[in-house]
């Protein structure tokens, strides 16, 4: 007979998860700070209580069987929720409930979030943000973060996500470059130093009705650096409309064309991501509301761009939407 949840030896689950990942009892013992025999005993207790085996023994290795794979999915989800719940409870218990740790992509932090931090402080002076900048997708539970701002399609395992911004790509350059190109043709851009991916530029030219191949002078792993290069007159960039909005307003960049390009589907949207157990945590609720309000404000105050270059007299193949603010979930 299968065991019930009330009889499940919960203390064995972290050991099981570690063993499933490492496929070695000695390595599991080192990671869990236990003896080899203690690890073996805990897995044995778990299998005995469940009433079925979870691993196949292959010499010194242990490999999950089909039942083990099925069980692991539930265990990982359950442990993640427990970790998040403990994190929220501990934050409240030790008086750190007003400090929110947030991991953010460098470009988002530099081009959009930092310029708005003063408004956050004015609205929530009692909630401190601890910001971490990284290109890598951090493990929120493991690395101790309350939330993340990520780019993608959504659906990160074990996490809740809220879409914040859908934003097309627009062509921008420094004011000096814009003055030089004033009244020129869209085709002339192909002879200019282009910044960013050739794939995106080729798609932009195609949707503008031009059969041209691009040869960018530089590519970047960070959009913020690319836009900084454009501000310094080093070339013309395709940047997210929401990321260039402040620079357009301040005169650091000029949008050259009304032609917009939808981003690649894998990177189409920006999301706020957090463990489900923290959804009703007051500091996270405050951050969610503030972010959505800032995105709506950005959308409402965007100034329509006037074309610097002459558009091709051909209807574009696909029209991209302007910045789209996504309403928060109730």
Protein backbone atom coordinates (compact mmCIF):
# COMPACT_ATOMS: atom_id res chain seq x y z
CA UNK A 1 0.00 0.00 0.00
CA UNK A 2 1.30 3.46 -0.88
CA UNK A 3 2.21 5.75 1.99
CA UNK A 4 0.16 8.86 2.76
CA UNK A 5 1.62 12.36 2.99
CA UNK A 6 1.32 12.31 6.79
CA UNK A 7 3.61 9.26 6.95
CA UNK A 8 6.11 10.43 4.33
CA UNK A 9 9.60 10.91 5.88
CA UNK A 10 10.04 14.54 4.81
CA UNK A 11 13.62 14.77 6.09
CA UNK A 12 14.68 12.31 3.40
CA UNK A 13 13.44 14.42 0.47
CA UNK A 14 16.43 16.81 0.20
CA UNK A 15 18.73 13.77 0.24
CA UNK A 16 16.67 12.12 -2.48
CA UNK A 17 16.81 15.29 -4.63
CA UNK A 18 20.56 15.54 -4.24
CA UNK A 19 21.10 11.86 -5.04
CA UNK A 20 18.86 12.13 -8.12
CA UNK A 21 20.99 14.99 -9.42
CA UNK A 22 24.45 13.66 -8.54
CA UNK A 23 23.78 9.94 -9.21
CA UNK A 24 26.38 9.03 -6.61
CA UNK A 25 25.89 8.31 -2.91
CA UNK A 26 29.34 9.51 -1.83
CA UNK A 27 28.94 12.80 -3.69
CA UNK A 28 25.49 13.17 -2.13
CA UNK A 29 26.97 12.55 1.32
CA UNK A 30 29.53 15.33 0.78
CA UNK A 31 26.90 17.80 -0.46
CA UNK A 32 24.47 17.01 2.37
CA UNK A 33 27.19 16.84 5.06
CA UNK A 34 26.23 13.29 5.96
CA UNK A 35 28.02 9.97 6.02
CA UNK A 36 27.73 7.58 3.09
CA UNK A 37 25.80 5.14 5.23
CA UNK A 38 23.38 7.84 6.43
CA UNK A 39 22.55 8.76 2.82
CA UNK A 40 22.02 5.14 1.89
CA UNK A 41 19.86 4.60 4.96
CA UNK A 42 17.65 7.66 4.26
CA UNK A 43 17.02 6.62 0.67
CA UNK A 44 16.21 3.11 1.90
CA UNK A 45 13.75 4.49 4.45
CA UNK A 46 12.07 6.60 1.79
CA UNK A 47 11.75 3.71 -0.66
CA UNK A 48 10.46 1.41 2.06
CA UNK A 49 7.86 3.94 3.15
CA UNK A 50 6.73 4.58 -0.42
CA UNK A 51 6.56 0.88 -1.17
CA UNK A 52 8.58 1.00 -4.39
CA UNK A 53 12.16 1.59 -5.58
CA UNK A 54 13.26 4.99 -6.87
CA UNK A 55 16.72 4.13 -8.18
CA UNK A 56 18.52 1.51 -10.19
CA UNK A 57 21.94 0.59 -8.78
CA UNK A 58 24.64 0.47 -11.48
CA UNK A 59 27.95 -0.17 -9.76
CA UNK A 60 28.90 2.99 -7.91
CA UNK A 61 26.19 4.99 -9.69
CA UNK A 62 22.52 5.22 -8.87
CA UNK A 63 20.09 6.19 -11.63
CA UNK A 64 16.46 7.20 -11.28
CA UNK A 65 13.95 4.70 -12.59
CA UNK A 66 10.62 5.78 -14.10
CA UNK A 67 8.95 5.98 -10.71
CA UNK A 68 11.88 8.02 -9.41
CA UNK A 69 11.58 10.54 -12.26
CA UNK A 70 7.87 10.98 -11.59
CA UNK A 71 8.46 11.41 -7.87
CA UNK A 72 11.32 13.89 -8.40
CA UNK A 73 9.07 16.35 -10.26
CA UNK A 74 6.73 16.57 -7.28
CA UNK A 75 9.57 16.71 -4.75
CA UNK A 76 11.34 19.59 -6.50
CA UNK A 77 8.13 21.59 -6.69
CA UNK A 78 7.25 20.90 -3.06
CA UNK A 79 10.72 21.76 -1.75
CA UNK A 80 10.79 24.96 -3.79
CA UNK A 81 7.49 26.06 -2.25
CA UNK A 82 8.72 25.16 1.22
CA UNK A 83 11.95 27.12 0.66
CA UNK A 84 10.00 30.16 -0.48
CA UNK A 85 7.62 29.92 2.46
CA UNK A 86 10.48 29.64 4.94
CA UNK A 87 12.18 32.61 3.28
CA UNK A 88 9.08 34.79 3.62
CA UNK A 89 8.43 33.69 7.21
CA UNK A 90 12.05 34.20 8.23
CA UNK A 91 12.14 37.67 6.67
CA UNK A 92 9.11 38.70 8.71
CA UNK A 93 10.29 37.02 11.91
CA UNK A 94 13.74 38.65 11.99
CA UNK A 95 12.53 42.07 10.96
CA UNK A 96 13.93 42.17 7.42
CA UNK A 97 10.52 42.10 5.75
CA UNK A 98 11.15 45.61 4.40
CA UNK A 99 14.23 44.65 2.36
CA UNK A 100 13.56 43.11 -1.02
CA UNK A 101 16.34 41.34 -2.96
CA UNK A 102 15.88 41.66 -6.72
CA UNK A 103 18.05 40.24 -9.50
CA UNK A 104 17.89 42.18 -12.77
CA UNK A 105 19.47 42.07 -16.22
CA UNK A 106 22.18 44.78 -16.53
CA UNK A 107 20.54 46.52 -19.51
CA UNK A 108 17.13 46.69 -17.80
CA UNK A 109 18.74 48.01 -14.63
CA UNK A 110 20.86 50.63 -16.39
CA UNK A 111 18.42 51.89 -19.02
CA UNK A 112 15.06 51.68 -17.25
CA UNK A 113 15.03 50.79 -13.56
CA UNK A 114 17.74 53.08 -12.14
CA UNK A 115 16.30 56.27 -13.68
CA UNK A 116 13.05 55.51 -11.83
CA UNK A 117 14.49 54.60 -8.44
CA UNK A 118 13.87 58.04 -6.98
CA UNK A 119 10.15 57.60 -7.58
CA UNK A 120 10.30 54.20 -5.87
CA UNK A 121 11.96 55.76 -2.82
CA UNK A 122 9.38 58.54 -2.69
CA UNK A 123 6.52 56.05 -2.86
CA UNK A 124 8.02 53.38 -0.57
CA UNK A 125 10.67 54.98 1.67
CA UNK A 126 10.34 52.10 4.13
CA UNK A 127 11.19 49.34 1.61
CA UNK A 128 14.84 49.00 0.62
CA UNK A 129 15.71 47.33 -2.67
CA UNK A 130 18.86 45.23 -2.82
CA UNK A 131 19.66 45.08 -6.55
CA UNK A 132 21.79 42.39 -8.16
CA UNK A 133 22.84 42.74 -11.79
CA UNK A 134 23.52 39.59 -13.81
CA UNK A 135 23.23 38.23 -17.35
CA UNK A 136 22.58 34.78 -15.88
CA UNK A 137 19.23 33.37 -14.77
CA UNK A 138 19.63 33.09 -11.02
CA UNK A 139 18.01 30.39 -8.90
CA UNK A 140 15.84 32.52 -6.62
CA UNK A 141 15.53 30.02 -3.76
CA UNK A 142 19.15 28.87 -3.84
CA UNK A 143 20.63 32.36 -4.18
CA UNK A 144 18.28 34.07 -1.73
CA UNK A 145 16.38 36.44 -4.04
CA UNK A 146 12.78 37.46 -3.56
CA UNK A 147 12.13 38.28 -7.23
CA UNK A 148 13.72 38.74 -10.65
CA UNK A 149 13.15 40.79 -13.79
CA UNK A 150 13.63 38.47 -16.75
CA UNK A 151 13.32 38.50 -20.50
CA UNK A 152 11.70 35.61 -22.36
CA UNK A 153 8.43 33.83 -23.00
CA UNK A 154 7.44 33.13 -19.39
CA UNK A 155 6.72 29.78 -17.78
CA UNK A 156 9.77 29.37 -15.53
CA UNK A 157 9.33 26.12 -13.53
CA UNK A 158 8.17 26.56 -9.94
CA UNK A 159 7.79 30.36 -10.24
CA UNK A 160 4.98 32.82 -10.82
CA UNK A 161 5.54 35.37 -13.57
CA UNK A 162 3.81 38.59 -14.60
CA UNK A 163 4.38 40.11 -18.02
CA UNK A 164 5.40 43.76 -17.68
CA UNK A 165 6.37 45.04 -21.12
CA UNK A 166 6.07 44.02 -24.74
CA UNK A 167 8.23 46.41 -26.74
CA UNK A 168 9.33 46.55 -30.40
CA UNK A 169 12.78 47.47 -31.69
CA UNK A 170 13.35 50.93 -33.15
CA UNK A 171 16.27 52.48 -35.05
CA UNK A 172 18.19 55.09 -33.03
CA UNK A 173 21.36 57.12 -33.41
CA UNK A 174 23.13 60.08 -31.84
CA UNK A 175 21.84 63.59 -32.66
CA UNK A 176 24.92 64.25 -34.79
CA UNK A 177 24.34 61.11 -36.87
CA UNK A 178 20.64 61.99 -37.20
CA UNK A 179 21.46 65.46 -38.53
CA UNK A 180 23.82 64.01 -41.11
CA UNK A 181 21.21 61.49 -42.29
CA UNK A 182 18.31 63.98 -42.32
CA UNK A 183 16.22 63.47 -45.47
CA UNK A 184 18.22 60.45 -46.64
CA UNK A 185 16.76 57.11 -47.62
CA UNK A 186 16.24 54.04 -45.51
CA UNK A 187 18.57 52.18 -47.89
CA UNK A 188 21.40 54.54 -46.89
CA UNK A 189 21.46 52.95 -43.44
CA UNK A 190 23.09 49.85 -44.93
CA UNK A 191 26.21 51.96 -45.59
CA UNK A 192 26.35 53.24 -42.02
CA UNK A 193 28.13 51.52 -39.12
CA UNK A 194 25.39 49.31 -37.66
CA UNK A 195 25.34 48.03 -34.08
CA UNK A 196 23.68 44.80 -33.01
CA UNK A 197 22.73 41.52 -34.64
CA UNK A 198 22.82 41.05 -38.41
CA UNK A 199 19.68 38.91 -38.18
CA UNK A 200 17.67 41.75 -36.65
CA UNK A 201 18.97 44.31 -39.12
CA UNK A 202 18.27 42.06 -42.10
CA UNK A 203 14.72 41.58 -40.83
CA UNK A 204 14.29 45.32 -40.34
CA UNK A 205 15.44 46.05 -43.90
CA UNK A 206 13.18 43.31 -45.24
CA UNK A 207 10.12 44.68 -43.44
CA UNK A 208 11.02 48.16 -44.72
CA UNK A 209 10.77 46.77 -48.26
CA UNK A 210 14.52 46.57 -48.91
CA UNK A 211 16.37 43.47 -50.07
CA UNK A 212 19.62 44.34 -48.31
CA UNK A 213 22.15 42.38 -46.27
CA UNK A 214 23.68 44.05 -43.24
CA UNK A 215 27.19 43.82 -41.88
CA UNK A 216 27.20 45.26 -38.33
CA UNK A 217 30.49 46.67 -37.09
CA UNK A 218 29.86 45.43 -33.53
CA UNK A 219 27.59 43.10 -31.62
CA UNK A 220 26.95 43.19 -27.87
CA UNK A 221 25.86 40.77 -25.17
CA UNK A 222 24.30 43.70 -23.33
CA UNK A 223 21.77 46.07 -24.89
CA UNK A 224 22.73 48.85 -22.51
CA UNK A 225 26.29 48.91 -23.84
CA UNK A 226 25.01 48.94 -27.42
CA UNK A 227 22.81 51.96 -26.75
CA UNK A 228 25.65 53.71 -24.97
CA UNK A 229 27.80 53.18 -28.09
CA UNK A 230 25.02 54.68 -30.22
CA UNK A 231 24.81 57.72 -27.91
CA UNK A 232 28.53 58.26 -28.44
CA UNK A 233 28.09 58.32 -32.21
CA UNK A 234 29.76 54.96 -32.85
CA UNK A 235 26.90 53.63 -34.98
CA UNK A 236 23.18 53.11 -35.45
CA UNK A 237 21.37 50.69 -33.14
CA UNK A 238 18.14 48.71 -33.03
CA UNK A 239 17.00 49.12 -29.45
CA UNK A 240 13.90 48.31 -27.44
CA UNK A 241 11.53 51.26 -27.60
CA UNK A 242 11.02 51.31 -23.83
CA UNK A 243 14.77 51.24 -23.19
CA UNK A 244 15.47 54.22 -25.44
CA UNK A 245 12.48 56.28 -24.29
CA UNK A 246 14.42 58.25 -21.67
CA UNK A 247 17.35 58.90 -24.03
CA UNK A 248 14.95 60.13 -26.74
CA UNK A 249 13.28 62.47 -24.25
CA UNK A 250 16.64 63.80 -23.03
CA UNK A 251 18.03 64.28 -26.54
CA UNK A 252 20.79 61.70 -26.18
CA UNK A 253 19.34 59.61 -29.02
CA UNK A 254 17.10 60.29 -32.01
CA UNK A 255 14.73 57.77 -33.56
CA UNK A 256 15.46 57.67 -37.28
CA UNK A 257 12.38 55.89 -38.60
CA UNK A 258 8.82 55.03 -37.63
CA UNK A 259 9.49 51.49 -38.88
CA UNK A 260 9.45 49.06 -35.94
CA UNK A 261 10.56 45.47 -35.64
CA UNK A 262 8.98 42.80 -33.46
CA UNK A 263 11.68 41.10 -31.34
CA UNK A 264 12.44 37.40 -31.55
CA UNK A 265 9.67 35.39 -29.89
CA UNK A 266 12.07 33.88 -27.32
CA UNK A 267 12.92 37.38 -26.03
CA UNK A 268 9.66 39.16 -26.75
CA UNK A 269 8.57 40.19 -23.25
CA UNK A 270 9.90 41.31 -19.90
CA UNK A 271 8.55 39.63 -16.78
CA UNK A 272 8.53 40.04 -13.03
CA UNK A 273 9.22 36.56 -11.61
CA UNK A 274 8.85 35.40 -8.00
CA UNK A 275 8.13 32.31 -5.86
CA UNK A 276 4.37 31.72 -5.52
CA UNK A 277 4.60 31.72 -1.72
CA UNK A 278 5.74 35.37 -1.75
CA UNK A 279 2.85 36.66 -3.84
CA UNK A 280 1.05 38.27 -0.89
CA UNK A 281 4.22 39.45 0.87
CA UNK A 282 3.74 43.21 1.33
CA UNK A 283 7.08 44.40 -0.14
CA UNK A 284 6.61 42.23 -3.23
CA UNK A 285 3.03 43.47 -3.64
CA UNK A 286 4.36 47.02 -3.50
CA UNK A 287 6.99 46.27 -6.16
CA UNK A 288 4.44 44.61 -8.45
CA UNK A 289 2.08 47.57 -8.32
CA UNK A 290 4.85 50.13 -8.75
CA UNK A 291 6.36 48.39 -11.77
CA UNK A 292 3.01 48.13 -13.54
CA UNK A 293 2.28 51.80 -12.80
CA UNK A 294 5.66 52.85 -14.19
CA UNK A 295 5.11 50.88 -17.39
CA UNK A 296 1.66 52.44 -17.86
CA UNK A 297 3.13 55.90 -17.28
CA UNK A 298 5.82 55.22 -19.87
CA UNK A 299 3.24 54.13 -22.41
CA UNK A 300 1.05 57.17 -21.84
CA UNK A 301 3.92 59.65 -22.16
CA UNK A 302 5.72 58.26 -25.19
CA UNK A 303 6.23 60.98 -27.82
CA UNK A 304 5.53 59.84 -31.40
CA UNK A 305 8.72 59.82 -33.47
CA UNK A 306 9.06 61.90 -36.63
CA UNK A 307 11.00 60.13 -39.37
CA UNK A 308 14.48 61.49 -40.00
CA UNK A 309 15.05 59.24 -42.99
CA UNK A 310 12.69 58.89 -45.93
CA UNK A 311 10.66 55.66 -45.72
CA UNK A 312 10.51 53.29 -48.66
CA UNK A 313 7.30 53.72 -50.68
CA UNK A 314 6.31 50.14 -49.96
CA UNK A 315 3.90 48.92 -47.31
CA UNK A 316 5.86 47.04 -44.64
CA UNK A 317 5.25 43.32 -44.46
CA UNK A 318 4.39 43.40 -40.79
CA UNK A 319 3.54 46.28 -38.50
CA UNK A 320 4.80 46.05 -34.94
CA UNK A 321 2.83 47.36 -31.99
CA UNK A 322 4.04 50.13 -29.77
CA UNK A 323 5.06 49.49 -26.19
CA UNK A 324 2.37 47.40 -24.57
CA UNK A 325 1.79 47.69 -20.87
CA UNK A 326 0.36 44.55 -19.35
CA UNK A 327 -2.13 44.90 -16.52
CA UNK A 328 -1.13 43.17 -13.29
CA UNK A 329 -2.90 40.00 -12.25
CA UNK A 330 -5.36 40.48 -9.38
